Amino acid sequence: MPRYFFDLPDGSLLTDEVGEMLSDDDAARRSAQRLLSELVESRSELWRDGRFSVEVFDADRMLVGRLVVQAETAG
């Protein structure tokens, strides 16, 4: 199984040094969705910062995909 890494580039960059063994790129994308969902629920400052993302890289550190949440408040 290949290893995938999930970096958090917004604010202070958090680089995943350990990664996770997953079956393929699709499984890595689903894992990124779960991770971003958990982070959005636990981080109320998202509304202040406006944007948050997770970048998925394969074992060669080639970008597999990026998932971005954009928060906007009315008024």
N, C-alpha and C. Protein backbone atom coordinates (compact mmCIF):
# COMPACT_ATOMS: atom_id res chain seq x y z
N MET A 1 0.84 -1.19 0.00
CA MET A 1 0.00 0.00 0.00
C MET A 1 0.88 1.24 0.00
N PRO A 2 0.52 2.24 -0.79
CA PRO A 2 1.30 3.48 -0.82
C PRO A 2 1.04 4.37 0.39
N ARG A 3 2.01 5.22 0.68
CA ARG A 3 1.91 6.17 1.79
C ARG A 3 1.50 7.54 1.23
N TYR A 4 0.61 8.21 1.96
CA TYR A 4 0.15 9.55 1.60
C TYR A 4 0.37 10.49 2.78
N PHE A 5 0.60 11.75 2.46
CA PHE A 5 0.86 12.78 3.45
C PHE A 5 -0.19 13.88 3.33
N PHE A 6 -0.58 14.44 4.48
CA PHE A 6 -1.64 15.45 4.53
C PHE A 6 -1.10 16.71 5.20
N ASP A 7 -0.78 17.70 4.39
CA ASP A 7 -0.23 18.96 4.90
C ASP A 7 -1.32 20.00 5.07
N LEU A 8 -1.14 20.87 6.05
CA LEU A 8 -2.08 21.96 6.32
C LEU A 8 -1.33 23.27 6.04
N PRO A 9 -1.47 23.83 4.84
CA PRO A 9 -0.65 24.97 4.43
C PRO A 9 -1.11 26.34 4.92
N ASP A 10 -2.28 26.44 5.52
CA ASP A 10 -2.81 27.76 5.90
C ASP A 10 -2.30 28.18 7.27
N GLY A 11 -2.10 29.47 7.44
CA GLY A 11 -1.58 29.96 8.71
C GLY A 11 -0.14 29.52 8.84
N SER A 12 0.16 28.80 9.88
CA SER A 12 1.50 28.23 10.02
C SER A 12 1.47 26.84 9.40
N LEU A 13 2.33 26.61 8.46
CA LEU A 13 2.34 25.35 7.72
C LEU A 13 2.61 24.18 8.64
N LEU A 14 1.72 23.20 8.60
CA LEU A 14 1.92 21.95 9.32
C LEU A 14 2.17 20.86 8.29
N THR A 15 3.37 20.32 8.31
CA THR A 15 3.77 19.30 7.34
C THR A 15 3.67 17.93 7.98
N ASP A 16 2.97 17.04 7.33
CA ASP A 16 2.82 15.66 7.79
C ASP A 16 4.11 14.91 7.50
N GLU A 17 4.82 14.53 8.55
CA GLU A 17 6.09 13.82 8.40
C GLU A 17 5.92 12.31 8.44
N VAL A 18 4.75 11.83 8.92
CA VAL A 18 4.54 10.40 9.11
C VAL A 18 3.73 9.79 7.96
N GLY A 19 2.65 10.45 7.59
CA GLY A 19 1.81 9.95 6.52
C GLY A 19 0.90 8.82 6.97
N GLU A 20 0.19 8.28 6.00
CA GLU A 20 -0.77 7.21 6.26
C GLU A 20 -0.76 6.26 5.07
N MET A 21 -0.77 4.97 5.35
CA MET A 21 -0.82 3.96 4.30
C MET A 21 -2.27 3.80 3.86
N LEU A 22 -2.51 4.03 2.56
CA LEU A 22 -3.86 3.93 2.00
C LEU A 22 -3.80 3.19 0.67
N SER A 23 -4.94 2.66 0.25
CA SER A 23 -4.96 1.80 -0.93
C SER A 23 -4.67 2.53 -2.24
N ASP A 24 -5.15 3.79 -2.36
CA ASP A 24 -4.97 4.51 -3.62
C ASP A 24 -5.29 5.99 -3.44
N ASP A 25 -5.19 6.75 -4.55
CA ASP A 25 -5.44 8.20 -4.50
C ASP A 25 -6.86 8.53 -4.03
N ASP A 26 -7.82 7.73 -4.45
CA ASP A 26 -9.21 7.99 -4.03
C ASP A 26 -9.37 7.85 -2.51
N ALA A 27 -8.75 6.84 -1.95
CA ALA A 27 -8.80 6.65 -0.49
C ALA A 27 -8.11 7.82 0.21
N ALA A 28 -7.04 8.32 -0.36
CA ALA A 28 -6.34 9.48 0.22
C ALA A 28 -7.22 10.72 0.16
N ARG A 29 -7.94 10.91 -0.93
CA ARG A 29 -8.85 12.07 -1.04
C ARG A 29 -9.97 11.97 -0.01
N ARG A 30 -10.52 10.78 0.18
CA ARG A 30 -11.57 10.61 1.20
C ARG A 30 -11.02 10.88 2.60
N SER A 31 -9.81 10.46 2.85
CA SER A 31 -9.18 10.71 4.15
C SER A 31 -8.98 12.21 4.36
N ALA A 32 -8.62 12.92 3.31
CA ALA A 32 -8.47 14.38 3.39
C ALA A 32 -9.81 15.05 3.68
N GLN A 33 -10.88 14.54 3.09
CA GLN A 33 -12.22 15.08 3.37
C GLN A 33 -12.57 14.92 4.84
N ARG A 34 -12.30 13.74 5.39
CA ARG A 34 -12.59 13.51 6.82
C ARG A 34 -11.74 14.42 7.69
N LEU A 35 -10.46 14.54 7.37
CA LEU A 35 -9.57 15.40 8.14
C LEU A 35 -10.04 16.84 8.13
N LEU A 36 -10.37 17.36 6.95
CA LEU A 36 -10.81 18.75 6.86
C LEU A 36 -12.13 18.95 7.59
N SER A 37 -13.02 17.99 7.49
CA SER A 37 -14.30 18.08 8.21
C SER A 37 -14.07 18.17 9.72
N GLU A 38 -13.18 17.33 10.24
CA GLU A 38 -12.87 17.35 11.68
C GLU A 38 -12.23 18.68 12.08
N LEU A 39 -11.36 19.20 11.25
CA LEU A 39 -10.69 20.46 11.57
C LEU A 39 -11.67 21.63 11.56
N VAL A 40 -12.57 21.64 10.60
CA VAL A 40 -13.57 22.71 10.52
C VAL A 40 -14.46 22.69 11.76
N GLU A 41 -14.86 21.51 12.21
CA GLU A 41 -15.70 21.41 13.40
C GLU A 41 -14.98 21.88 14.65
N SER A 42 -13.69 21.66 14.74
CA SER A 42 -12.97 21.96 15.97
C SER A 42 -12.31 23.35 15.97
N ARG A 43 -12.34 24.05 14.84
CA ARG A 43 -11.62 25.34 14.76
C ARG A 43 -12.58 26.48 14.44
N SER A 44 -13.07 27.13 15.47
CA SER A 44 -14.00 28.24 15.27
C SER A 44 -13.32 29.44 14.61
N GLU A 45 -11.99 29.53 14.70
CA GLU A 45 -11.29 30.66 14.08
C GLU A 45 -11.34 30.63 12.56
N LEU A 46 -11.84 29.54 12.00
CA LEU A 46 -12.01 29.47 10.55
C LEU A 46 -12.82 30.65 10.05
N TRP A 47 -13.81 31.07 10.83
CA TRP A 47 -14.64 32.20 10.43
C TRP A 47 -13.84 33.49 10.37
N ARG A 48 -12.82 33.61 11.19
CA ARG A 48 -11.97 34.81 11.15
C ARG A 48 -10.94 34.72 10.02
N ASP A 49 -10.36 33.55 9.87
CA ASP A 49 -9.30 33.38 8.88
C ASP A 49 -9.84 33.30 7.47
N GLY A 50 -11.04 32.77 7.32
CA GLY A 50 -11.70 32.74 6.03
C GLY A 50 -11.40 31.56 5.14
N ARG A 51 -10.21 30.97 5.23
CA ARG A 51 -9.85 29.90 4.30
C ARG A 51 -9.00 28.86 5.03
N PHE A 52 -9.27 27.59 4.72
CA PHE A 52 -8.51 26.51 5.32
C PHE A 52 -8.42 25.39 4.30
N SER A 53 -7.28 24.72 4.24
CA SER A 53 -7.13 23.67 3.23
C SER A 53 -6.26 22.52 3.72
N VAL A 54 -6.39 21.40 3.03
CA VAL A 54 -5.56 20.22 3.24
C VAL A 54 -4.99 19.84 1.87
N GLU A 55 -3.68 19.62 1.83
CA GLU A 55 -3.03 19.18 0.60
C GLU A 55 -2.60 17.73 0.78
N VAL A 56 -2.88 16.91 -0.23
CA VAL A 56 -2.55 15.49 -0.19
C VAL A 56 -1.39 15.23 -1.14
N PHE A 57 -0.35 14.57 -0.60
CA PHE A 57 0.83 14.24 -1.40
C PHE A 57 1.07 12.74 -1.36
N ASP A 58 1.60 12.20 -2.46
CA ASP A 58 1.95 10.79 -2.47
C ASP A 58 3.34 10.60 -1.85
N ALA A 59 3.85 9.39 -1.88
CA ALA A 59 5.13 9.07 -1.24
C ALA A 59 6.30 9.83 -1.86
N ASP A 60 6.17 10.25 -3.12
CA ASP A 60 7.21 11.03 -3.80
C ASP A 60 7.02 12.53 -3.61
N ARG A 61 6.06 12.90 -2.75
CA ARG A 61 5.70 14.30 -2.47
C ARG A 61 5.17 15.01 -3.71
N MET A 62 4.50 14.23 -4.57
CA MET A 62 3.79 14.81 -5.71
C MET A 62 2.36 15.09 -5.25
N LEU A 63 1.84 16.27 -5.60
CA LEU A 63 0.51 16.67 -5.17
C LEU A 63 -0.55 15.77 -5.80
N VAL A 64 -1.39 15.16 -4.96
CA VAL A 64 -2.51 14.34 -5.40
C VAL A 64 -3.76 15.21 -5.51
N GLY A 65 -3.89 16.15 -4.58
CA GLY A 65 -5.04 17.04 -4.60
C GLY A 65 -5.04 18.01 -3.43
N ARG A 66 -5.90 18.99 -3.53
CA ARG A 66 -6.04 20.02 -2.50
C ARG A 66 -7.52 20.24 -2.26
N LEU A 67 -7.91 20.25 -1.00
CA LEU A 67 -9.30 20.49 -0.62
C LEU A 67 -9.33 21.78 0.19
N VAL A 68 -10.19 22.74 -0.24
CA VAL A 68 -10.21 24.07 0.36
C VAL A 68 -11.62 24.41 0.85
N VAL A 69 -11.68 24.99 2.05
CA VAL A 69 -12.94 25.51 2.59
C VAL A 69 -12.79 27.03 2.68
N GLN A 70 -13.76 27.75 2.19
CA GLN A 70 -13.77 29.20 2.24
C GLN A 70 -14.98 29.64 3.08
N ALA A 71 -14.73 30.35 4.17
CA ALA A 71 -15.80 30.83 5.04
C ALA A 71 -16.03 32.32 4.80
N GLU A 72 -17.29 32.71 4.74
CA GLU A 72 -17.64 34.11 4.56
C GLU A 72 -18.81 34.43 5.50
N THR A 73 -18.75 35.60 6.12
CA THR A 73 -19.84 36.03 6.96
C THR A 73 -20.57 37.18 6.29
N ALA A 74 -21.85 37.26 6.49
CA ALA A 74 -22.65 38.35 5.92
C ALA A 74 -22.52 39.58 6.80
N GLY A 75 -22.56 40.73 6.16
CA GLY A 75 -22.58 41.98 6.93
C GLY A 75 -21.33 42.64 6.97
